[in-house]
Amino acid sequence: MSALLETPSRIEPCFFEGDIPRPIADLVVDIHSTTAELGKALHPDSAAELAEFVRVMNCYYSNLIEGHDTRPKDIERALAGAELEDEARPLALEARAHVKVHREIDVLHREGRLPSPTSIEFILWVHRRFYEEMPEEFRCVRLASGRSVEIVPGRFRTKAEEDVAVGRHHPPSSGVVGDFMAYFAKRFGMADAWASIRVIAIAAAHHRFNYIHPFVDGNGRVSRLVAHAMALKAGIGGKGLWSISRGLARGLEDNGEYKRMMDHADMPRQGSRDGRGNLSEAALRTFCTWFLSVALDQVRFTSAAFRFDTLEDRYRRLLRDLGHDAKAGELVSTALRFGEMERGRAALVLGVSERTARSTLSKLVEDGFMKSRTPKSPVRVAFPLDYRDRLFPSLFADHRIEAPAPPSFRFAR
């Protein structure tokens, strides 16, 4: 490989040299406005509970991109520490690792301790935490050369035998990955101080990270977790109620777009009018436009799929169909709107005796519709996976749903 391609500036351009293209600027404005409205009527406690549900969805689609199709119910069972069927166990434990890291990122953000998501320290932490939780079956990878290489959690590629090829793309050699990632961290760390490019940087960094391909394995899933962390930092996290992975797995028109667009963004500079870097600025502009269009589409989809304005009604109908007390829906509605509720308030909310209220509440907890940290602590609403199709149709399926049409986009072929 030429010396020119082994220098960190190989990933330039990382940003746009001149003005931000108008279509991208418009997408950023739309994403900010739609995420600000997402789950606005929900109490933060209810939103946090629903965010856990979304983590499972995010994990499901992120792993699906890697060719690992894990049933959401198996992911939930793995998270609960339940027994798993032998054939489902490895993929379910892999998915559990993904959800755990996603959850830890959300906690860091909520507590104000989330560092720059494009820093070397954070990226290594994500990879380390992911693979520390991995089953043994996924602790090594077979490279194109036929060599089997151990995956060391939280370590970049450093050895010649760890050089990789991704389709037609040949990432930087292992010996210079550290230099490339230091350059990556410096360039994209600048976005933290520029509100106007924080959202755009999510798209650009996603491609450039995978272009470097710093780890022997796990690059795709780490990059999508980093994109989630960047969205939180950029103020478009939407309370954790939307998933970029679902959009990348499905695309705007077909599920092959992600691979095509990543490949398109690998294009070298096409002449003197195509920016000043090694890679094509026009291709980066196309990729960022597509990526942000996918993000906007997913925020809109989530709002339509969750239908927060009718969530209470759907929950009430479900409880009635399952034979719960006619007034049980009042407890769920109260928890949705006002968050955690002291158990002693149940009788007041329902307007019944304490004994009847305890019975109604106990049944809701037993069936997973309400939950608490201890048998006597306050309760909050829950969203049991067994009834996801009734509460939130089409989150894991391909059924049509009434949602705004995807943003207009002309694909590079």
Protein backbone atom coordinates (compact mmCIF):
# COMPACT_ATOMS: atom_id res chain seq x y z
CA MET A 1 0.00 0.00 0.00
CA SER A 2 1.35 3.44 -0.90
CA ALA A 3 2.72 5.68 1.84
CA LEU A 4 0.06 8.29 0.95
CA LEU A 5 -2.75 5.89 1.83
CA GLU A 6 -1.10 4.97 5.12
CA THR A 7 -1.23 8.52 6.47
CA PRO A 8 -4.23 9.55 8.65
CA SER A 9 -5.28 12.28 6.23
CA ARG A 10 -6.46 9.41 4.06
CA ILE A 11 -9.90 9.79 5.74
CA GLU A 12 -10.30 13.43 4.66
CA PRO A 13 -12.63 15.13 4.15
CA CYS A 14 -14.23 14.61 7.55
CA PHE A 15 -16.41 17.71 7.24
CA PHE A 16 -17.49 20.04 4.45
CA GLU A 17 -14.92 22.65 3.51
CA GLY A 18 -17.41 25.38 2.60
CA ASP A 19 -20.99 26.00 3.58
CA ILE A 20 -23.10 23.10 4.80
CA PRO A 21 -25.17 21.82 1.83
CA ARG A 22 -28.76 23.10 2.08
CA PRO A 23 -30.46 19.65 1.96
CA ILE A 24 -28.31 18.49 4.89
CA ALA A 25 -28.94 21.68 6.87
CA ASP A 26 -32.69 21.23 6.35
CA LEU A 27 -32.50 17.61 7.54
CA VAL A 28 -30.69 18.69 10.71
CA VAL A 29 -33.44 21.23 11.50
CA ASP A 30 -36.16 18.62 10.90
CA ILE A 31 -34.40 16.02 13.06
CA HIS A 32 -34.05 18.48 15.94
CA SER A 33 -37.72 19.47 15.80
CA THR A 34 -39.10 15.91 15.51
CA THR A 35 -36.93 14.44 18.27
CA ALA A 36 -37.91 17.30 20.57
CA GLU A 37 -41.56 16.21 20.23
CA LEU A 38 -40.88 12.48 20.64
CA GLY A 39 -42.57 11.13 23.74
CA LYS A 40 -43.28 14.66 24.97
CA ALA A 41 -46.49 13.59 26.74
CA LEU A 42 -44.78 10.75 28.61
CA HIS A 43 -43.45 11.14 32.13
CA PRO A 44 -39.63 10.67 32.20
CA ASP A 45 -40.09 7.44 34.22
CA SER A 46 -42.38 6.03 31.52
CA ALA A 47 -40.05 7.17 28.75
CA ALA A 48 -37.11 5.51 30.51
CA GLU A 49 -39.03 2.25 30.76
CA LEU A 50 -39.97 2.40 27.09
CA ALA A 51 -36.35 3.21 26.20
CA GLU A 52 -35.39 -0.23 27.54
CA PHE A 53 -37.87 -1.72 25.09
CA VAL A 54 -36.25 0.30 22.28
CA ARG A 55 -32.80 -0.98 23.26
CA VAL A 56 -33.98 -4.49 22.47
CA MET A 57 -35.27 -3.28 19.11
CA ASN A 58 -32.00 -1.46 18.39
CA CYS A 59 -30.00 -4.56 19.28
CA TYR A 60 -32.25 -6.79 17.16
CA TYR A 61 -31.70 -4.68 14.05
CA SER A 62 -28.00 -4.00 14.69
CA ASN A 63 -27.34 -7.73 14.94
CA LEU A 64 -29.56 -8.37 11.92
CA ILE A 65 -27.22 -6.17 9.87
CA GLU A 66 -24.43 -8.58 10.87
CA GLY A 67 -26.52 -11.56 9.73
CA HIS A 68 -27.44 -12.58 13.29
CA ASP A 69 -31.21 -13.00 13.55
CA THR A 70 -32.09 -13.22 17.24
CA ARG A 71 -35.69 -13.38 18.40
CA PRO A 72 -36.59 -10.42 20.63
CA LYS A 73 -38.08 -12.83 23.16
CA ASP A 74 -34.72 -14.62 23.43
CA ILE A 75 -32.99 -11.28 23.99
CA GLU A 76 -35.42 -10.52 26.81
CA ARG A 77 -34.90 -13.96 28.33
CA ALA A 78 -31.12 -13.52 28.20
CA LEU A 79 -31.40 -10.14 29.90
CA ALA A 80 -33.55 -11.68 32.63
CA GLY A 81 -31.04 -14.51 33.16
CA ALA A 82 -33.62 -17.13 32.16
CA GLU A 83 -32.83 -20.53 30.70
CA LEU A 84 -32.28 -20.52 26.93
CA GLU A 85 -32.51 -23.19 24.28
CA ASP A 86 -29.05 -24.45 23.30
CA GLU A 87 -29.33 -23.28 19.69
CA ALA A 88 -30.51 -19.80 20.72
CA ARG A 89 -28.07 -19.29 23.59
CA PRO A 90 -24.94 -17.89 21.82
CA LEU A 91 -26.80 -15.26 19.76
CA ALA A 92 -29.02 -14.32 22.71
CA LEU A 93 -25.98 -13.75 24.94
CA GLU A 94 -24.34 -11.70 22.18
CA ALA A 95 -27.50 -9.60 22.03
CA ARG A 96 -27.55 -9.25 25.80
CA ALA A 97 -24.03 -7.81 25.65
CA HIS A 98 -25.19 -5.22 23.12
CA VAL A 99 -28.19 -4.14 25.20
CA LYS A 100 -26.08 -3.87 28.36
CA VAL A 101 -23.58 -1.52 26.71
CA HIS A 102 -26.41 0.53 25.17
CA ARG A 103 -27.98 0.83 28.63
CA GLU A 104 -24.67 1.90 30.20
CA ILE A 105 -24.26 4.61 27.55
CA ASP A 106 -27.72 5.93 28.39
CA VAL A 107 -26.89 5.98 32.11
CA LEU A 108 -23.66 7.89 31.45
CA HIS A 109 -25.61 10.47 29.46
CA ARG A 110 -28.40 10.76 32.03
CA GLU A 111 -25.86 11.33 34.81
CA GLY A 112 -23.89 13.89 32.78
CA ARG A 113 -20.81 11.64 32.56
CA LEU A 114 -20.86 10.73 28.86
CA PRO A 115 -17.46 11.67 27.37
CA SER A 116 -16.85 12.62 23.76
CA PRO A 117 -18.20 9.59 21.85
CA THR A 118 -15.46 9.88 19.23
CA SER A 119 -12.63 9.85 21.77
CA ILE A 120 -10.28 6.87 21.73
CA GLU A 121 -11.03 6.16 25.38
CA PHE A 122 -14.78 5.92 24.80
CA ILE A 123 -14.50 3.82 21.65
CA LEU A 124 -12.16 1.35 23.35
CA TRP A 125 -14.50 1.21 26.35
CA VAL A 126 -17.48 0.36 24.15
CA HIS A 127 -15.58 -2.45 22.43
CA ARG A 128 -14.18 -3.76 25.72
CA ARG A 129 -17.55 -3.79 27.48
CA PHE A 130 -19.19 -5.44 24.48
CA TYR A 131 -16.69 -8.29 24.24
CA GLU A 132 -16.32 -8.77 27.98
CA GLU A 133 -19.96 -9.87 27.95
CA MET A 134 -19.63 -12.02 24.84
CA PRO A 135 -19.95 -15.83 24.91
CA GLU A 136 -16.77 -17.75 24.07
CA GLU A 137 -18.13 -18.66 20.63
CA PHE A 138 -17.71 -15.03 19.53
CA ARG A 139 -14.28 -14.33 21.06
CA CYS A 140 -12.36 -15.17 17.87
CA VAL A 141 -12.81 -14.49 14.17
CA ARG A 142 -11.59 -16.15 10.99
CA LEU A 143 -10.04 -13.66 8.56
CA ALA A 144 -10.11 -13.85 4.77
CA SER A 145 -6.61 -15.34 4.89
CA GLY A 146 -8.05 -18.32 6.74
CA ARG A 147 -6.23 -17.45 9.96
CA SER A 148 -8.25 -17.54 13.18
CA VAL A 149 -7.53 -14.52 15.37
CA GLU A 150 -8.50 -13.94 18.99
CA ILE A 151 -10.55 -10.81 19.67
CA VAL A 152 -9.00 -8.87 22.54
CA PRO A 153 -11.67 -6.66 24.18
CA GLY A 154 -10.83 -2.96 23.92
CA ARG A 155 -7.77 -3.26 21.65
CA PHE A 156 -7.27 -1.86 18.14
CA ARG A 157 -5.66 -3.89 15.40
CA THR A 158 -1.88 -3.73 15.91
CA LYS A 159 -0.36 -6.84 14.29
CA ALA A 160 0.27 -7.56 10.61
CA GLU A 161 -1.74 -10.79 10.84
CA GLU A 162 -4.74 -8.66 11.83
CA ASP A 163 -4.85 -6.76 8.52
CA VAL A 164 -8.30 -7.05 6.97
CA ALA A 165 -10.17 -6.47 3.74
CA VAL A 166 -13.84 -5.49 3.62
CA GLY A 167 -15.14 -6.32 0.18
CA ARG A 168 -13.19 -4.12 -2.25
CA HIS A 169 -12.02 -1.86 0.56
CA HIS A 170 -8.60 -2.27 2.17
CA PRO A 171 -8.54 -0.41 5.51
CA PRO A 172 -5.29 1.02 6.91
CA SER A 173 -2.69 -1.53 7.94
CA SER A 174 -2.83 -2.69 11.54
CA GLY A 175 0.44 -0.97 12.42
CA VAL A 176 -1.00 2.50 11.72
CA VAL A 177 -4.53 2.07 13.09
CA GLY A 178 -3.58 3.86 16.32
CA ASP A 179 -2.42 6.91 14.36
CA PHE A 180 -5.58 6.91 12.26
CA MET A 181 -7.81 6.71 15.33
CA ALA A 182 -5.93 9.53 17.06
CA TYR A 183 -6.54 11.66 13.95
CA PHE A 184 -10.19 10.53 13.85
CA ALA A 185 -10.70 11.50 17.51
CA LYS A 186 -9.10 14.89 17.00
CA ARG A 187 -11.09 15.76 13.88
CA PHE A 188 -14.49 14.59 15.07
CA GLY A 189 -13.88 15.81 18.61
CA MET A 190 -14.06 19.30 17.08
CA ALA A 191 -17.77 18.70 16.40
CA ASP A 192 -18.50 18.78 20.14
CA ALA A 193 -17.88 22.52 20.11
CA TRP A 194 -19.83 23.25 16.92
CA ALA A 195 -23.58 22.88 17.39
CA SER A 196 -24.14 23.31 13.65
CA ILE A 197 -22.21 20.18 12.73
CA ARG A 198 -22.80 17.82 15.68
CA VAL A 199 -25.63 16.02 13.92
CA ILE A 200 -23.84 15.91 10.56
CA ALA A 201 -20.76 14.51 12.30
CA ILE A 202 -22.77 11.45 13.37
CA ALA A 203 -23.12 10.43 9.74
CA ALA A 204 -19.60 11.37 8.64
CA ALA A 205 -17.93 9.72 11.66
CA HIS A 206 -19.95 6.55 11.12
CA HIS A 207 -18.47 6.06 7.68
CA ARG A 208 -14.93 7.16 8.51
CA PHE A 209 -14.82 4.87 11.58
CA ASN A 210 -15.79 1.86 9.50
CA TYR A 211 -13.42 2.99 6.75
CA ILE A 212 -10.56 2.72 9.27
CA HIS A 213 -12.02 -0.57 10.60
CA PRO A 214 -9.95 -0.29 13.79
CA PHE A 215 -10.91 -3.61 15.41
CA VAL A 216 -10.44 -7.16 14.26
CA ASP A 217 -14.19 -7.62 14.70
CA GLY A 218 -17.20 -5.78 16.10
CA ASN A 219 -16.67 -2.57 14.11
CA GLY A 220 -20.23 -2.31 12.80
CA ARG A 221 -21.93 -2.76 16.15
CA VAL A 222 -19.45 -0.49 17.96
CA SER A 223 -19.95 2.21 15.32
CA ARG A 224 -23.73 2.06 15.73
CA LEU A 225 -23.43 2.33 19.51
CA VAL A 226 -21.08 5.29 19.02
CA ALA A 227 -23.66 6.86 16.66
CA HIS A 228 -26.27 6.48 19.39
CA ALA A 229 -23.96 8.16 21.91
CA MET A 230 -23.26 10.98 19.44
CA ALA A 231 -27.01 11.48 18.97
CA LEU A 232 -27.42 11.85 22.73
CA LYS A 233 -24.59 14.40 22.84
CA ALA A 234 -26.05 16.28 19.89
CA GLY A 235 -29.41 16.65 21.63
CA ILE A 236 -31.38 14.43 19.24
CA GLY A 237 -31.60 11.33 21.43
CA GLY A 238 -35.36 11.73 21.77
CA LYS A 239 -35.34 10.24 25.30
CA GLY A 240 -33.92 7.04 23.81
CA LEU A 241 -37.16 6.36 21.93
CA TRP A 242 -35.80 5.84 18.41
CA SER A 243 -33.21 3.59 16.80
CA ILE A 244 -30.80 4.35 13.95
CA SER A 245 -30.07 0.61 13.59
CA ARG A 246 -33.61 -0.15 12.47
CA GLY A 247 -33.28 2.40 9.67
CA LEU A 248 -29.86 1.20 8.57
CA ALA A 249 -31.10 -2.39 8.46
CA ARG A 250 -34.20 -1.51 6.42
CA GLY A 251 -33.13 1.54 4.40
CA LEU A 252 -35.51 4.02 2.83
CA GLU A 253 -36.45 1.76 -0.09
CA ASP A 254 -34.68 -1.58 0.45
CA ASN A 255 -32.38 -3.31 2.92
CA GLY A 256 -29.36 -3.23 0.59
CA GLU A 257 -28.93 0.53 0.82
CA TYR A 258 -26.64 0.56 3.86
CA LYS A 259 -23.99 -1.56 2.18
CA ARG A 260 -24.27 0.34 -1.10
CA MET A 261 -24.03 3.74 0.55
CA MET A 262 -21.05 2.76 2.71
CA ASP A 263 -19.31 1.48 -0.41
CA HIS A 264 -20.21 4.65 -2.33
CA ALA A 265 -18.67 6.82 0.40
CA ASP A 266 -15.37 4.93 -0.04
CA MET A 267 -14.99 6.62 -3.44
CA PRO A 268 -11.71 8.51 -3.96
CA ARG A 269 -11.71 12.18 -4.94
CA GLN A 270 -13.07 12.71 -8.45
CA GLY A 271 -11.08 15.62 -9.80
CA SER A 272 -10.21 19.14 -8.68
CA ARG A 273 -13.82 20.16 -8.02
CA ASP A 274 -14.46 17.29 -5.62
CA GLY A 275 -13.07 18.78 -2.42
CA ARG A 276 -9.44 18.74 -1.28
CA GLY A 277 -9.12 15.42 0.54
CA ASN A 278 -8.21 11.90 -0.49
CA LEU A 279 -11.86 10.78 -0.53
CA SER A 280 -14.74 12.24 -2.54
CA GLU A 281 -16.50 15.15 -0.88
CA ALA A 282 -19.49 14.64 -3.18
CA ALA A 283 -19.75 11.01 -2.03
CA LEU A 284 -19.56 12.11 1.61
CA ARG A 285 -22.33 14.62 0.96
CA THR A 286 -24.47 11.88 -0.58
CA PHE A 287 -23.81 9.52 2.33
CA CYS A 288 -24.58 12.15 4.98
CA THR A 289 -27.80 13.09 3.19
CA TRP A 290 -28.86 9.44 3.07
CA PHE A 291 -27.86 8.70 6.69
CA LEU A 292 -29.69 11.73 8.06
CA SER A 293 -32.72 10.96 5.88
CA VAL A 294 -32.76 7.49 7.47
CA ALA A 295 -32.52 9.05 10.94
CA LEU A 296 -35.43 11.43 10.27
CA ASP A 297 -37.47 8.56 8.82
CA GLN A 298 -36.91 6.49 11.97
CA VAL A 299 -37.89 9.29 14.34
CA ARG A 300 -41.09 9.79 12.36
CA PHE A 301 -41.71 6.03 12.26
CA THR A 302 -41.24 5.71 16.00
CA SER A 303 -43.73 8.48 16.69
CA ALA A 304 -46.26 6.83 14.36
CA ALA A 305 -45.63 3.28 15.62
CA PHE A 306 -45.76 4.14 19.30
CA ARG A 307 -48.70 6.53 18.74
CA PHE A 308 -48.22 8.11 22.13
CA ASP A 309 -51.50 10.00 21.78
CA THR A 310 -53.47 6.72 21.81
CA LEU A 311 -51.15 4.60 23.95
CA GLU A 312 -53.37 4.83 27.02
CA ASP A 313 -56.40 3.66 25.04
CA ARG A 314 -54.50 0.70 23.55
CA TYR A 315 -53.24 -0.29 26.97
CA ARG A 316 -56.75 -0.13 28.45
CA ARG A 317 -58.20 -2.29 25.66
CA LEU A 318 -55.44 -4.85 26.09
CA LEU A 319 -56.05 -5.13 29.83
CA ARG A 320 -59.79 -5.53 29.30
CA ASP A 321 -59.20 -8.26 26.69
CA LEU A 322 -56.96 -10.11 29.14
CA GLY A 323 -59.63 -10.06 31.84
CA HIS A 324 -58.09 -7.52 34.19
CA ASP A 325 -60.25 -5.48 36.54
CA ALA A 326 -62.29 -2.90 34.63
CA LYS A 327 -60.48 -0.10 36.46
CA ALA A 328 -56.95 -1.49 36.05
CA GLY A 329 -56.35 0.85 33.12
CA GLU A 330 -56.59 3.81 35.49
CA LEU A 331 -53.42 2.69 37.29
CA VAL A 332 -51.54 2.29 34.01
CA SER A 333 -52.74 5.68 32.75
CA THR A 334 -51.69 7.37 35.98
CA ALA A 335 -48.22 5.78 35.83
CA LEU A 336 -47.80 6.76 32.16
CA ARG A 337 -48.59 10.38 32.87
CA PHE A 338 -47.11 10.87 36.32
CA GLY A 339 -44.34 8.27 36.63
CA GLU A 340 -43.66 6.15 39.70
CA MET A 341 -46.59 5.77 42.04
CA GLU A 342 -46.65 4.82 45.70
CA ARG A 343 -48.58 1.59 46.19
CA GLY A 344 -50.79 3.22 48.78
CA ARG A 345 -52.16 5.62 46.13
CA ALA A 346 -53.77 2.79 44.16
CA ALA A 347 -56.93 2.82 46.25
CA LEU A 348 -57.28 6.59 45.80
CA VAL A 349 -56.74 6.40 42.03
CA LEU A 350 -59.23 3.55 41.62
CA GLY A 351 -61.77 4.79 44.15
CA VAL A 352 -62.03 1.34 45.75
CA SER A 353 -61.06 -0.32 49.03
CA GLU A 354 -57.38 -0.87 49.82
CA ARG A 355 -57.89 -4.63 49.62
CA THR A 356 -59.40 -4.42 46.11
CA ALA A 357 -56.69 -1.98 45.01
CA ARG A 358 -53.94 -4.32 46.25
CA SER A 359 -55.49 -7.19 44.33
CA THR A 360 -55.77 -5.17 41.11
CA LEU A 361 -52.21 -3.88 41.42
CA SER A 362 -50.77 -7.30 42.28
CA LYS A 363 -52.33 -8.77 39.13
CA LEU A 364 -50.82 -6.01 36.97
CA VAL A 365 -47.37 -6.62 38.50
CA GLU A 366 -47.72 -10.39 38.17
CA ASP A 367 -48.53 -10.10 34.46
CA GLY A 368 -45.67 -7.65 33.83
CA PHE A 369 -47.72 -4.52 33.11
CA MET A 370 -46.33 -2.71 36.14
CA LYS A 371 -43.02 -3.24 37.91
CA SER A 372 -41.08 -2.16 40.99
CA ARG A 373 -37.59 -2.57 42.41
CA THR A 374 -38.86 -4.37 45.53
CA PRO A 375 -42.23 -5.89 46.57
CA LYS A 376 -43.05 -2.77 48.58
CA SER A 377 -41.41 0.02 46.56
CA PRO A 378 -43.28 2.39 44.16
CA VAL A 379 -44.55 0.94 40.89
CA ARG A 380 -44.09 2.18 37.35
CA VAL A 381 -45.57 1.17 34.02
CA ALA A 382 -43.91 -1.65 32.07
CA PHE A 383 -44.16 -2.88 28.48
CA PRO A 384 -44.04 -6.70 28.46
CA LEU A 385 -42.58 -8.09 25.25
CA ASP A 386 -45.27 -10.76 25.01
CA TYR A 387 -47.77 -8.03 24.15
CA ARG A 388 -45.58 -5.80 22.02
CA ASP A 389 -47.66 -6.49 18.89
CA ARG A 390 -50.76 -5.18 20.64
CA LEU A 391 -49.09 -2.15 22.18
CA PHE A 392 -46.64 -1.24 19.41
CA PRO A 393 -47.45 -2.99 16.12
CA SER A 394 -44.74 -3.45 13.46
CA LEU A 395 -41.67 -2.56 15.54
CA PHE A 396 -40.09 -5.93 14.78
CA ALA A 397 -42.19 -6.86 11.76
CA ASP A 398 -42.57 -5.81 8.14
CA HIS A 399 -46.28 -5.05 8.26
CA ARG A 400 -47.26 -1.70 6.81
CA ILE A 401 -47.92 1.08 9.26
CA GLU A 402 -49.40 4.53 8.79
CA ALA A 403 -46.29 6.69 9.05
CA PRO A 404 -45.01 9.69 7.10
CA ALA A 405 -43.31 8.76 3.84
CA PRO A 406 -39.50 8.54 3.98
CA PRO A 407 -37.64 11.71 3.00
CA SER A 408 -37.07 12.08 -0.71
CA PHE A 409 -33.67 10.80 -1.75
CA ARG A 410 -32.03 10.02 -5.06
CA PHE A 411 -29.79 7.01 -4.77
CA ALA A 412 -26.35 6.66 -6.27
CA ARG A 413 -26.24 3.49 -8.35
